[in-house]
Amino acid sequence: MWTGSPFLEMRLGTYFILFATCVSVGRFATPSPFLNSYLSQDDRNSLAKLFDEALTKKSDDIASIHYAAAGYKLLGSPIDAAKAKTACEKAKQVDLTALKDLYHVTGATSALPNCALSSIATAQKTIESAASESQPSALNLLYALETAKNLGLKVNQADFDKALTTAFKDDSSASIAYALVAASLLDKNYATKYFDHIKDFVGQADEVDGKYLQLEGGISVTALGLHGVYSLAEKAGKAPVLKNEEVVKFANYILSRRGAPLERPAFLLLQALNTLAKNPYHVPLTLTLATPLTLDQNKQVQVRVSDVLGDSVGTPTVSLESSTPGALTRRALTKVADDKTNTLYVLDLKNEKLESGFYKLVFSASTKDKKHIGVTNAQVSVKVPTVIAIEDVQVAVFERDLTKPNDYSKVKQGDKLSSVLKLDSHQKLHVKFSVKDQSANKLITVHQAFAVLVHDKTNREVIYVAEADATSKAYLFELDLKTSEKDFGGLTGTYHLRLLIGDPIVSNSIDWHLADVAVSVAPVTPPEIKKSEKIIYDPLPTIQHKFREPEPLPPHIMSDTFTTLCLAPLLLLFILWLRVGINFGNIRFSLWALGFHVGIAAIFGLYFCFWLKLNMFVTLKYLAIIGVPTFICGNRLLRSLHDAKKPKTE
C-alpha cells in the first residue's frame, strides 16, 4: 500500500500520463506500412521468360526442370508442348536412388502436363529412410513428405513426427522454414503440436527501413517460411500469430524481390504470393497508381486496389483521406465502370481549382471481410502540369562602363531578332525576360533557365545560368565579355543565342533561338600538351615483330679442332699413365680411402651439374656439404699412408 505524500503521488501520476501520451503520439506519428505494388502482367511475363530459359538451357538439371514447371503452374501459363515433352523425358531418365532426385522428379512430373510417372519400387523405402536418420534434417523430411504427397503414398506419421521434433532443435532460419512446411504435410493431430514454432520463425525476422521483414537467407528462406506458416496454420485450423503490420512487411519484402534471377527463388516467391492471396486468415490489400504521374486535362486519378497477385478483392471502400498541399478534402472514390478487372477506382478532380505542382494524396481502402488487411495512409504522388510563356523579353548590347543599357530590343516569344548583335571585350550582353504560368496567370520561377551561346560552325556551346529576381521574379542574364572571354576559348564568330526554360511541372519546355551575336575575342594559343597526355584516336601503326637473327656458327672444322684441343690434356694423361703405369697396389682399402674417393667423385659430379643448370650460390652450398667430409677423409687417408711408410724408412 502507498503511504507516501499525496502531492508526490499526484506528481507521479501526472508524469505517467505525460509519458503515456508521448508514447502514444510517437506511435501514431509513425506511418503504417502499406503495399504499393503487386505482381503485374510485366512481372508475370518476366518470370515466364525465366522459367522458359530454364527448360531450354538447363534441361539436364532436374532441379531446374522441377522449379520451372512448378513455376509455370503457379503462373497459370501453359508450357510449350515440345519443351514439356522434352522435360518429361529428361525427368524420367533420372536415377531415383537419392531422395533429393526423387523429390525433384516427382515435383516436375506432377507439374508437367501429360507426364505420369510409373510406379517406383524403392520409393517407399527411400522416403521412410529420411525419418530413420540419426540426425534427421528438416530439408530431407520436407523432401520425403512432399514426395510422398506427389506419389500418393502413406508414411509412418509417428516416425516422421519424432524425426521432425528432433529437426526443430536446429534453430536456424532455413531449418525452421523447411520444418514448418514439412509439419504442414503431416496429419492434423501431429501438425498441431508444431503450431507454436511459428513464433520462432517470426521472431527471427529482421526489419529493414520500417517497411520490410526478412530472414537470414534472403527471399528463398523468407518466402518458403511464410508459405509454411500459413500452410501449417490452415492444417491446424487456427490463424497464425502475426500482426497485420508484420504480414504487410513480409509481403512488401517478397514483392520487392519479384525480379528474382533464378528459377528456385522465383518459384518460392510465386508460391508465397499465392499463399498470401488465398489463405483464409490474412490477405493484404495493395493500392497502386493506375494512371500516369502527370494528370491530363480530365484531371482524373485512378488507383488499383487488389491482392498481391493483382486480382479483385470484391468491392472495397476506397477513400481519399488528405492531400499535401491541403487543397483536397476527404471523399470517396468511385468504381471505374468499364473496368473488367474489378480493381480500378477513380478520383475526379476536374472541378477542383488546383495550382500547378506536385501533390501527395493519401488513400485508404478496406473491405468488410475480416481476413483482408486494409490499406491506410497509402501515399500516391501526382503532378498537376502547367503551360508557360516567356514575356517582356529585352535584349541589348551596351558599353561595359555603364550600369545598364540605354536602349533595348524587344522580342516576342518564337520570333528572332532581325539584326545581328556585335559583342567585343568592351561591351556587355544583356537579356531580361519573365516566365508566366498561363494556367494561373502569374509570373513564376522555374528550376532551369539557361542562356546558351552556340557557335554556328563548330556547335561549341557556352552555357550560362539566368538568375531570377526574388521580388519581381524577372530573369536577368548579363555577359561581360572581358571577364568571361576565356569561356569562348579564343573562338571568334557568330553565335546563336538560345533560351532554355524547363521545370518538372512544365509541360512545354522551351528551346528558343532568340538572336545571333557576332562575338569577337582575342585568339588563344592552345597550351602545349605533353606527349604522354595526348589522346590519339587514330589507329596506331601495326607493330611488326622481328626476332633477332641467330649469330653465325663457326665452321665444323674449327669446332672439331677446338674440341680436340680441349680433350688433349685428358688424352695425354691416359698416355702417360700407360707409359709410367698406374700404381693400384698402393691403394689401401679402408673407410677413409672410400670416403675420400667418393667425395672427389661427388665434387666432380657437382661441377658437372653446375655446368648444366645450377647457379654459383647453390653450387657453393652443396660444395660446403660435400667438401667437409671429403677433407676429413683425405686427411685421414694421407696420415695412414704416411704411417705405412714409416717402418720402411727406419
Foldseek 3Di string as FASTA:
>chain_A
DDDDDPVVVVVVVVVVVVVVVVVVCVVVVDDFAAFAAFCDPVLLVLLLVQLLCLLVVVLLDLQSLLLSLLLCVLSVHADDPVSLVSSLVNLQPDDVPALVSLLSSLSNQLSRPPRDDDDDPCLQVNLQVLLVDPQRALQSLLSSLSSCVSVVHDHDLVSSLVNLVNNVVPLALQRLLSSLQSLLSGAQVSSLVCLVCLCSNQVQWDDDPSQATDHPPALLSLLSSLLSNLSSCVNNVHDRPDDLSHLRRSLNRLRVCSSPNHSNSNSSSSSSQVCLCDGQAAFEKHKYWPDDQEADLQQKTKIFIDTNNSAHPPDKWKWWPAKVVGQDHIDTWAFDDPDPRRGMTMDGCNVGDDDWDKMWIFMKIDDPRNNYDIDGRDIDMHTYAFAKAKDDKWKDKDFPVDPDDPDTDDDHFQDADPDAAEDELRIKIKIKIFMAGPSVGGTDAAPFKWKWWAAPPPRDIQIDGWDADPVRRMTMDMGNCNVVVVSVQQDWAKIFIWIWTDHPRYPDTDTGRHYIYGYHGHHDDDDDDDPVPDDDPDDDDDDDDDDDDDDDDDDPVVVVVVVCVVCVVVVVVVVVCVVVPDCPVLDDDDPLSVLLVVLVVVLVVLVVVCVVDDPPVVSVVVCVVSVVSNVVSVVVRVVVSVVVCVVVVD
